[in-house]
């Protein structure tokens, strides 16, 4: 059974996309343990030093996401990729708040590689989740809201077989239903990139994510894969 895939029309326009995917089962989410919280703070300090005065728009990973957003008609300074938004918070305010084990784990890897990492609660996905261009009749509920919205036609979305959108504007915003919560026991985790060294960076990011999961979630079961235009689907 396919759990995550890239649509062929999307791959025709974005042949350089690479997507790392992990299916994590047997999870025990909740408050971030002290050791992970400390590692997350240290990573933030390290990243701040590495970036220094460099504008975020000059980072190759984020510049590639800006080009991808522009290509489907979205202003990248109005709607920032999840990775850029996270790093902007870090560089502007000096820290990223702790939320829970799974979110902090994903955010740690996201700032390390300057790439978007999303943790989707498996319960929120019916059938396969497909990255594709929106038709406009799909349904999206923003984080913390109950009102149903509809994506713009041509916008890149993560959508399941029931037309529920779990992420809008590719990696801009996740849906309320798909957010990792304290009772999340299974998750689909993605990390994506368009830049020249994306394949190598994603392999390293996938390794880091799996190591962190094994370290902080004893008994977790993992399955991972790296997707591309020639290998576009991840099956259970």
C-alpha atoms as a PDB file:
ATOM      1  CA  UNK A   1       0.000   0.000   0.000  1.00  0.00           C
ATOM      2  CA  UNK A   2       1.388   3.398  -1.025  1.00  0.00           C
ATOM      3  CA  UNK A   3       1.571   5.861   1.870  1.00  0.00           C
ATOM      4  CA  UNK A   4       3.320   8.841   0.260  1.00  0.00           C
ATOM      5  CA  UNK A   5       3.991   9.777  -3.352  1.00  0.00           C
ATOM      6  CA  UNK A   6       4.813  12.559  -5.788  1.00  0.00           C
ATOM      7  CA  UNK A   7       2.345  13.150  -8.614  1.00  0.00           C
ATOM      8  CA  UNK A   8       3.742  12.777 -12.134  1.00  0.00           C
ATOM      9  CA  UNK A   9       2.661  16.290 -13.211  1.00  0.00           C
ATOM     10  CA  UNK A  10       4.488  17.762 -10.224  1.00  0.00           C
ATOM     11  CA  UNK A  11       7.636  15.764 -10.993  1.00  0.00           C
ATOM     12  CA  UNK A  12       7.589  17.035 -14.577  1.00  0.00           C
ATOM     13  CA  UNK A  13       7.873  20.598 -13.258  1.00  0.00           C
ATOM     14  CA  UNK A  14      10.154  19.792 -10.314  1.00  0.00           C
ATOM     15  CA  UNK A  15      12.414  16.932 -11.473  1.00  0.00           C
ATOM     16  CA  UNK A  16      15.121  17.833  -8.920  1.00  0.00           C
ATOM     17  CA  UNK A  17      12.933  17.223  -5.862  1.00  0.00           C
ATOM     18  CA  UNK A  18      14.203  14.702  -3.330  1.00  0.00           C
ATOM     19  CA  UNK A  19      12.009  13.489  -0.504  1.00  0.00           C
ATOM     20  CA  UNK A  20      13.032  11.507   2.534  1.00  0.00           C
ATOM     21  CA  UNK A  21      10.184   9.619   4.190  1.00  0.00           C
ATOM     22  CA  UNK A  22       9.994   7.685   7.461  1.00  0.00           C
ATOM     23  CA  UNK A  23       7.097   5.622   8.775  1.00  0.00           C
ATOM     24  CA  UNK A  24       7.520   5.492  12.547  1.00  0.00           C
ATOM     25  CA  UNK A  25       5.318   3.128  14.575  1.00  0.00           C
ATOM     26  CA  UNK A  26       5.208   2.327  18.271  1.00  0.00           C
ATOM     27  CA  UNK A  27       5.719   5.973  19.213  1.00  0.00           C
ATOM     28  CA  UNK A  28       5.303   7.461  22.665  1.00  0.00           C
ATOM     29  CA  UNK A  29       5.050  11.206  22.202  1.00  0.00           C
ATOM     30  CA  UNK A  30       4.810  13.719  25.024  1.00  0.00           C
ATOM     31  CA  UNK A  31       7.008  16.278  26.777  1.00  0.00           C
ATOM     32  CA  UNK A  32      10.534  16.527  25.421  1.00  0.00           C
ATOM     33  CA  UNK A  33      12.971  14.606  27.669  1.00  0.00           C
ATOM     34  CA  UNK A  34      15.742  16.726  29.251  1.00  0.00           C
ATOM     35  CA  UNK A  35      18.527  15.195  27.175  1.00  0.00           C
ATOM     36  CA  UNK A  36      16.767  16.005  23.891  1.00  0.00           C
ATOM     37  CA  UNK A  37      15.833  19.481  25.127  1.00  0.00           C
ATOM     38  CA  UNK A  38      19.511  20.139  25.889  1.00  0.00           C
ATOM     39  CA  UNK A  39      20.598  18.810  22.488  1.00  0.00           C
ATOM     40  CA  UNK A  40      18.005  21.011  20.774  1.00  0.00           C
ATOM     41  CA  UNK A  41      19.256  24.138  22.575  1.00  0.00           C
ATOM     42  CA  UNK A  42      22.865  23.312  21.666  1.00  0.00           C
ATOM     43  CA  UNK A  43      21.886  22.784  18.029  1.00  0.00           C
ATOM     44  CA  UNK A  44      20.164  26.172  17.964  1.00  0.00           C
ATOM     45  CA  UNK A  45      23.293  27.865  19.311  1.00  0.00           C
ATOM     46  CA  UNK A  46      25.481  26.054  16.781  1.00  0.00           C
ATOM     47  CA  UNK A  47      23.233  27.010  13.869  1.00  0.00           C
ATOM     48  CA  UNK A  48      23.156  30.645  14.948  1.00  0.00           C
ATOM     49  CA  UNK A  49      26.960  30.686  14.912  1.00  0.00           C
ATOM     50  CA  UNK A  50      27.124  28.957  11.522  1.00  0.00           C
ATOM     51  CA  UNK A  51      24.655  31.334   9.867  1.00  0.00           C
ATOM     52  CA  UNK A  52      26.111  34.454  11.452  1.00  0.00           C
ATOM     53  CA  UNK A  53      25.203  37.514   9.375  1.00  0.00           C
ATOM     54  CA  UNK A  54      24.379  35.528   6.215  1.00  0.00           C
ATOM     55  CA  UNK A  55      20.901  36.426   4.902  1.00  0.00           C
ATOM     56  CA  UNK A  56      18.624  33.385   4.998  1.00  0.00           C
ATOM     57  CA  UNK A  57      17.769  33.980   1.350  1.00  0.00           C
ATOM     58  CA  UNK A  58      21.432  33.273   0.491  1.00  0.00           C
ATOM     59  CA  UNK A  59      21.402  29.773   1.998  1.00  0.00           C
ATOM     60  CA  UNK A  60      21.284  27.301  -0.942  1.00  0.00           C
ATOM     61  CA  UNK A  61      18.605  25.092   0.614  1.00  0.00           C
ATOM     62  CA  UNK A  62      16.260  28.002   1.311  1.00  0.00           C
ATOM     63  CA  UNK A  63      16.994  29.743  -1.993  1.00  0.00           C
ATOM     64  CA  UNK A  64      15.919  26.554  -3.782  1.00  0.00           C
ATOM     65  CA  UNK A  65      12.651  26.492  -1.838  1.00  0.00           C
ATOM     66  CA  UNK A  66      12.039  30.142  -2.696  1.00  0.00           C
ATOM     67  CA  UNK A  67      12.408  29.301  -6.383  1.00  0.00           C
ATOM     68  CA  UNK A  68      10.021  26.364  -6.003  1.00  0.00           C
ATOM     69  CA  UNK A  69       7.400  28.548  -4.320  1.00  0.00           C
ATOM     70  CA  UNK A  70       7.731  31.236  -6.992  1.00  0.00           C
ATOM     71  CA  UNK A  71       7.292  28.606  -9.704  1.00  0.00           C
ATOM     72  CA  UNK A  72       3.751  27.806  -8.547  1.00  0.00           C
ATOM     73  CA  UNK A  73       2.797  31.451  -8.073  1.00  0.00           C
ATOM     74  CA  UNK A  74       3.487  32.055  -4.378  1.00  0.00           C
ATOM     75  CA  UNK A  75       5.537  34.994  -3.121  1.00  0.00           C
ATOM     76  CA  UNK A  76       8.274  33.353  -1.002  1.00  0.00           C
ATOM     77  CA  UNK A  77       8.605  36.434   1.217  1.00  0.00           C
ATOM     78  CA  UNK A  78       4.894  36.337   1.999  1.00  0.00           C
ATOM     79  CA  UNK A  79       4.667  32.568   2.498  1.00  0.00           C
ATOM     80  CA  UNK A  80       7.964  31.178   3.752  1.00  0.00           C
ATOM     81  CA  UNK A  81       8.906  27.517   3.646  1.00  0.00           C
ATOM     82  CA  UNK A  82       8.703  25.795   7.025  1.00  0.00           C
ATOM     83  CA  UNK A  83      12.498  25.648   7.256  1.00  0.00           C
ATOM     84  CA  UNK A  84      12.922  29.342   6.508  1.00  0.00           C
ATOM     85  CA  UNK A  85      10.171  30.292   8.972  1.00  0.00           C
ATOM     86  CA  UNK A  86      11.851  28.216  11.676  1.00  0.00           C
ATOM     87  CA  UNK A  87      15.285  29.703  11.012  1.00  0.00           C
ATOM     88  CA  UNK A  88      13.808  33.188  10.820  1.00  0.00           C
ATOM     89  CA  UNK A  89      12.343  32.702  14.287  1.00  0.00           C
ATOM     90  CA  UNK A  90      15.727  31.490  15.532  1.00  0.00           C
ATOM     91  CA  UNK A  91      17.777  34.316  14.012  1.00  0.00           C
ATOM     92  CA  UNK A  92      15.284  37.049  14.931  1.00  0.00           C
ATOM     93  CA  UNK A  93      14.350  35.932  18.445  1.00  0.00           C
ATOM     94  CA  UNK A  94      17.303  33.793  19.456  1.00  0.00           C
ATOM     95  CA  UNK A  95      15.500  30.552  20.219  1.00  0.00           C
ATOM     96  CA  UNK A  96      12.810  28.103  19.139  1.00  0.00           C
ATOM     97  CA  UNK A  97      10.291  27.054  21.814  1.00  0.00           C
ATOM     98  CA  UNK A  98       9.965  23.420  22.833  1.00  0.00           C
ATOM     99  CA  UNK A  99       6.617  21.833  21.926  1.00  0.00           C
ATOM    100  CA  UNK A 100       6.820  18.069  22.317  1.00  0.00           C
ATOM    101  CA  UNK A 101       9.232  15.212  21.662  1.00  0.00           C
ATOM    102  CA  UNK A 102       8.329  14.592  18.012  1.00  0.00           C
ATOM    103  CA  UNK A 103       8.103  18.239  17.000  1.00  0.00           C
ATOM    104  CA  UNK A 104      11.371  19.138  18.740  1.00  0.00           C
ATOM    105  CA  UNK A 105      13.114  16.173  17.140  1.00  0.00           C
ATOM    106  CA  UNK A 106      11.916  17.261  13.698  1.00  0.00           C
ATOM    107  CA  UNK A 107      12.837  20.893  14.318  1.00  0.00           C
ATOM    108  CA  UNK A 108      16.335  19.931  15.445  1.00  0.00           C
ATOM    109  CA  UNK A 109      17.003  18.132  12.164  1.00  0.00           C
ATOM    110  CA  UNK A 110      15.283  20.891  10.183  1.00  0.00           C
ATOM    111  CA  UNK A 111      17.591  23.637  11.446  1.00  0.00           C
ATOM    112  CA  UNK A 112      20.647  21.390  11.172  1.00  0.00           C
ATOM    113  CA  UNK A 113      20.121  20.837   7.453  1.00  0.00           C
ATOM    114  CA  UNK A 114      18.104  24.032   6.719  1.00  0.00           C
ATOM    115  CA  UNK A 115      15.371  21.839   5.235  1.00  0.00           C
ATOM    116  CA  UNK A 116      11.666  21.403   6.037  1.00  0.00           C
ATOM    117  CA  UNK A 117      10.810  18.425   8.242  1.00  0.00           C
ATOM    118  CA  UNK A 118       7.158  17.576   8.795  1.00  0.00           C
ATOM    119  CA  UNK A 119       5.733  15.087  11.298  1.00  0.00           C
ATOM    120  CA  UNK A 120       2.244  13.910  10.281  1.00  0.00           C
ATOM    121  CA  UNK A 121       0.065  11.906  12.650  1.00  0.00           C
ATOM    122  CA  UNK A 122      -0.664   8.697  10.728  1.00  0.00           C
ATOM    123  CA  UNK A 123      -4.305   8.771  11.886  1.00  0.00           C
ATOM    124  CA  UNK A 124      -4.923  11.917   9.834  1.00  0.00           C
ATOM    125  CA  UNK A 125      -4.040  10.288   6.509  1.00  0.00           C
ATOM    126  CA  UNK A 126      -6.606   8.225   4.595  1.00  0.00           C
ATOM    127  CA  UNK A 127      -4.948   6.080   1.956  1.00  0.00           C
ATOM    128  CA  UNK A 128      -1.975   7.663   0.222  1.00  0.00           C
ATOM    129  CA  UNK A 129      -0.735  11.206   0.812  1.00  0.00           C
ATOM    130  CA  UNK A 130       0.146  12.735  -2.557  1.00  0.00           C
ATOM    131  CA  UNK A 131       2.202  15.833  -3.285  1.00  0.00           C
ATOM    132  CA  UNK A 132       0.462  17.438  -6.257  1.00  0.00           C
ATOM    133  CA  UNK A 133      -1.031  20.584  -7.740  1.00  0.00           C
ATOM    134  CA  UNK A 134      -4.367  21.486  -6.123  1.00  0.00           C
ATOM    135  CA  UNK A 135      -7.618  21.480  -8.048  1.00  0.00           C
ATOM    136  CA  UNK A 136      -9.126  23.924  -5.552  1.00  0.00           C
ATOM    137  CA  UNK A 137     -11.935  21.780  -4.136  1.00  0.00           C
ATOM    138  CA  UNK A 138      -9.757  20.049  -1.515  1.00  0.00           C
ATOM    139  CA  UNK A 139     -10.311  20.766   2.210  1.00  0.00           C
ATOM    140  CA  UNK A 140      -7.800  22.291   4.618  1.00  0.00           C
ATOM    141  CA  UNK A 141      -8.085  23.177   8.311  1.00  0.00           C
ATOM    142  CA  UNK A 142      -5.295  25.411   9.598  1.00  0.00           C
ATOM    143  CA  UNK A 143      -3.464  24.688  12.850  1.00  0.00           C
ATOM    144  CA  UNK A 144      -5.569  25.748  15.826  1.00  0.00           C
ATOM    145  CA  UNK A 145      -8.675  26.428  13.714  1.00  0.00           C
ATOM    146  CA  UNK A 146     -11.885  24.623  12.802  1.00  0.00           C
ATOM    147  CA  UNK A 147     -12.845  26.571   9.674  1.00  0.00           C
ATOM    148  CA  UNK A 148     -12.422  24.681   6.399  1.00  0.00           C
ATOM    149  CA  UNK A 149     -10.426  26.455   3.685  1.00  0.00           C
ATOM    150  CA  UNK A 150      -9.708  25.520   0.081  1.00  0.00           C
ATOM    151  CA  UNK A 151      -6.293  25.757  -1.581  1.00  0.00           C
ATOM    152  CA  UNK A 152      -5.718  27.871  -4.660  1.00  0.00           C
ATOM    153  CA  UNK A 153      -5.846  25.911  -7.926  1.00  0.00           C
ATOM    154  CA  UNK A 154      -2.281  25.099  -8.963  1.00  0.00           C
ATOM    155  CA  UNK A 155      -0.908  25.402  -5.437  1.00  0.00           C
ATOM    156  CA  UNK A 156       1.261  22.473  -4.299  1.00  0.00           C
ATOM    157  CA  UNK A 157      -0.421  20.482  -1.540  1.00  0.00           C
ATOM    158  CA  UNK A 158      -0.114  17.242   0.449  1.00  0.00           C
ATOM    159  CA  UNK A 159      -3.531  15.630   0.004  1.00  0.00           C
ATOM    160  CA  UNK A 160      -4.945  12.211   0.937  1.00  0.00           C
ATOM    161  CA  UNK A 161      -7.483  10.013  -0.833  1.00  0.00           C
ATOM    162  CA  UNK A 162     -10.437  11.851   0.767  1.00  0.00           C
ATOM    163  CA  UNK A 163      -9.216  15.249  -0.522  1.00  0.00           C
ATOM    164  CA  UNK A 164      -8.122  16.300   2.950  1.00  0.00           C
ATOM    165  CA  UNK A 165      -5.111  18.598   2.661  1.00  0.00           C
ATOM    166  CA  UNK A 166      -2.433  17.909   5.261  1.00  0.00           C
ATOM    167  CA  UNK A 167      -0.039  20.651   4.092  1.00  0.00           C
ATOM    168  CA  UNK A 168      -0.575  23.797   2.015  1.00  0.00           C
ATOM    169  CA  UNK A 169       1.846  25.649  -0.244  1.00  0.00           C
ATOM    170  CA  UNK A 170       4.059  22.564  -0.236  1.00  0.00           C
ATOM    171  CA  UNK A 171       5.854  23.048   3.088  1.00  0.00           C
ATOM    172  CA  UNK A 172       4.332  26.291   4.357  1.00  0.00           C
ATOM    173  CA  UNK A 173       1.672  25.148   6.799  1.00  0.00           C
ATOM    174  CA  UNK A 174       0.497  21.791   8.169  1.00  0.00           C
ATOM    175  CA  UNK A 175      -3.149  20.956   8.888  1.00  0.00           C
ATOM    176  CA  UNK A 176      -4.623  20.864  12.361  1.00  0.00           C
ATOM    177  CA  UNK A 177      -5.643  17.213  11.982  1.00  0.00           C
ATOM    178  CA  UNK A 178      -2.170  16.026  11.051  1.00  0.00           C
ATOM    179  CA  UNK A 179      -0.168  17.697  13.844  1.00  0.00           C
ATOM    180  CA  UNK A 180       1.784  15.440  16.204  1.00  0.00           C
ATOM    181  CA  UNK A 181       0.071  15.291  19.586  1.00  0.00           C
ATOM    182  CA  UNK A 182       0.751  13.641  22.935  1.00  0.00           C
ATOM    183  CA  UNK A 183      -1.266  10.568  21.931  1.00  0.00           C
ATOM    184  CA  UNK A 184       0.381  10.132  18.507  1.00  0.00           C
ATOM    185  CA  UNK A 185       1.562   6.528  18.191  1.00  0.00           C
ATOM    186  CA  UNK A 186       2.422   6.395  14.474  1.00  0.00           C
ATOM    187  CA  UNK A 187       3.735   9.124  12.209  1.00  0.00           C
ATOM    188  CA  UNK A 188       4.799   9.784   8.648  1.00  0.00           C
ATOM    189  CA  UNK A 189       7.853  12.060   8.709  1.00  0.00           C
ATOM    190  CA  UNK A 190       9.118  13.889   5.624  1.00  0.00           C
ATOM    191  CA  UNK A 191      12.227  15.911   4.804  1.00  0.00           C
ATOM    192  CA  UNK A 192      12.529  17.500   1.344  1.00  0.00           C
ATOM    193  CA  UNK A 193      14.936  19.510  -0.761  1.00  0.00           C
ATOM    194  CA  UNK A 194      15.484  20.937  -4.254  1.00  0.00           C
ATOM    195  CA  UNK A 195      19.094  22.155  -4.002  1.00  0.00           C
ATOM    196  CA  UNK A 196      22.129  20.646  -5.758  1.00  0.00           C
ATOM    197  CA  UNK A 197      23.282  18.470  -2.843  1.00  0.00           C
ATOM    198  CA  UNK A 198      19.774  17.501  -1.739  1.00  0.00           C
ATOM    199  CA  UNK A 199      20.256  13.760  -2.134  1.00  0.00           C
ATOM    200  CA  UNK A 200      23.325  13.619   0.116  1.00  0.00           C
ATOM    201  CA  UNK A 201      21.794  15.994   2.664  1.00  0.00           C
ATOM    202  CA  UNK A 202      18.544  14.050   2.802  1.00  0.00           C
ATOM    203  CA  UNK A 203      20.352  10.756   3.324  1.00  0.00           C
ATOM    204  CA  UNK A 204      22.187  12.306   6.270  1.00  0.00           C
ATOM    205  CA  UNK A 205      18.970  13.854   7.570  1.00  0.00           C
ATOM    206  CA  UNK A 206      17.126  10.547   7.366  1.00  0.00           C
ATOM    207  CA  UNK A 207      19.931   8.872   9.310  1.00  0.00           C
ATOM    208  CA  UNK A 208      19.809  11.588  11.977  1.00  0.00           C
ATOM    209  CA  UNK A 209      16.037  11.383  12.305  1.00  0.00           C
ATOM    210  CA  UNK A 210      16.137   7.606  12.726  1.00  0.00           C
ATOM    211  CA  UNK A 211      18.985   7.777  15.242  1.00  0.00           C
ATOM    212  CA  UNK A 212      17.112  10.359  17.306  1.00  0.00           C
ATOM    213  CA  UNK A 213      13.901   8.336  17.198  1.00  0.00           C
ATOM    214  CA  UNK A 214      15.692   5.167  18.324  1.00  0.00           C
ATOM    215  CA  UNK A 215      17.449   7.090  21.096  1.00  0.00           C
ATOM    216  CA  UNK A 216      14.409   8.836  22.555  1.00  0.00           C
ATOM    217  CA  UNK A 217      11.598   6.399  21.687  1.00  0.00           C
ATOM    218  CA  UNK A 218      12.673   2.904  22.802  1.00  0.00           C
ATOM    219  CA  UNK A 219      10.875   0.179  20.867  1.00  0.00           C
ATOM    220  CA  UNK A 220      10.010   2.375  17.881  1.00  0.00           C
ATOM    221  CA  UNK A 221       9.680   0.616  14.507  1.00  0.00           C
ATOM    222  CA  UNK A 222      11.013   2.482  11.479  1.00  0.00           C
ATOM    223  CA  UNK A 223      10.841   2.174   7.723  1.00  0.00           C
ATOM    224  CA  UNK A 224      12.553   4.812   5.557  1.00  0.00           C
ATOM    225  CA  UNK A 225      13.177   5.603   1.907  1.00  0.00           C
ATOM    226  CA  UNK A 226      14.517   8.375  -0.330  1.00  0.00           C
ATOM    227  CA  UNK A 227      12.218   9.412  -3.182  1.00  0.00           C
ATOM    228  CA  UNK A 228      12.987  11.100  -6.496  1.00  0.00           C
ATOM    229  CA  UNK A 229      11.498  11.536  -9.964  1.00  0.00           C
ATOM    230  CA  UNK A 230      12.593   7.972 -10.801  1.00  0.00           C
ATOM    231  CA  UNK A 231      11.406   6.512  -7.491  1.00  0.00           C
ATOM    232  CA  UNK A 232       8.343   8.598  -6.566  1.00  0.00           C
ATOM    233  CA  UNK A 233       6.409   6.461  -4.072  1.00  0.00           C
ATOM    234  CA  UNK A 234       6.844   5.138  -0.520  1.00  0.00           C
ATOM    235  CA  UNK A 235       4.924   1.973   0.369  1.00  0.00           C
ATOM    236  CA  UNK A 236       4.052   0.503   3.762  1.00  0.00           C
END
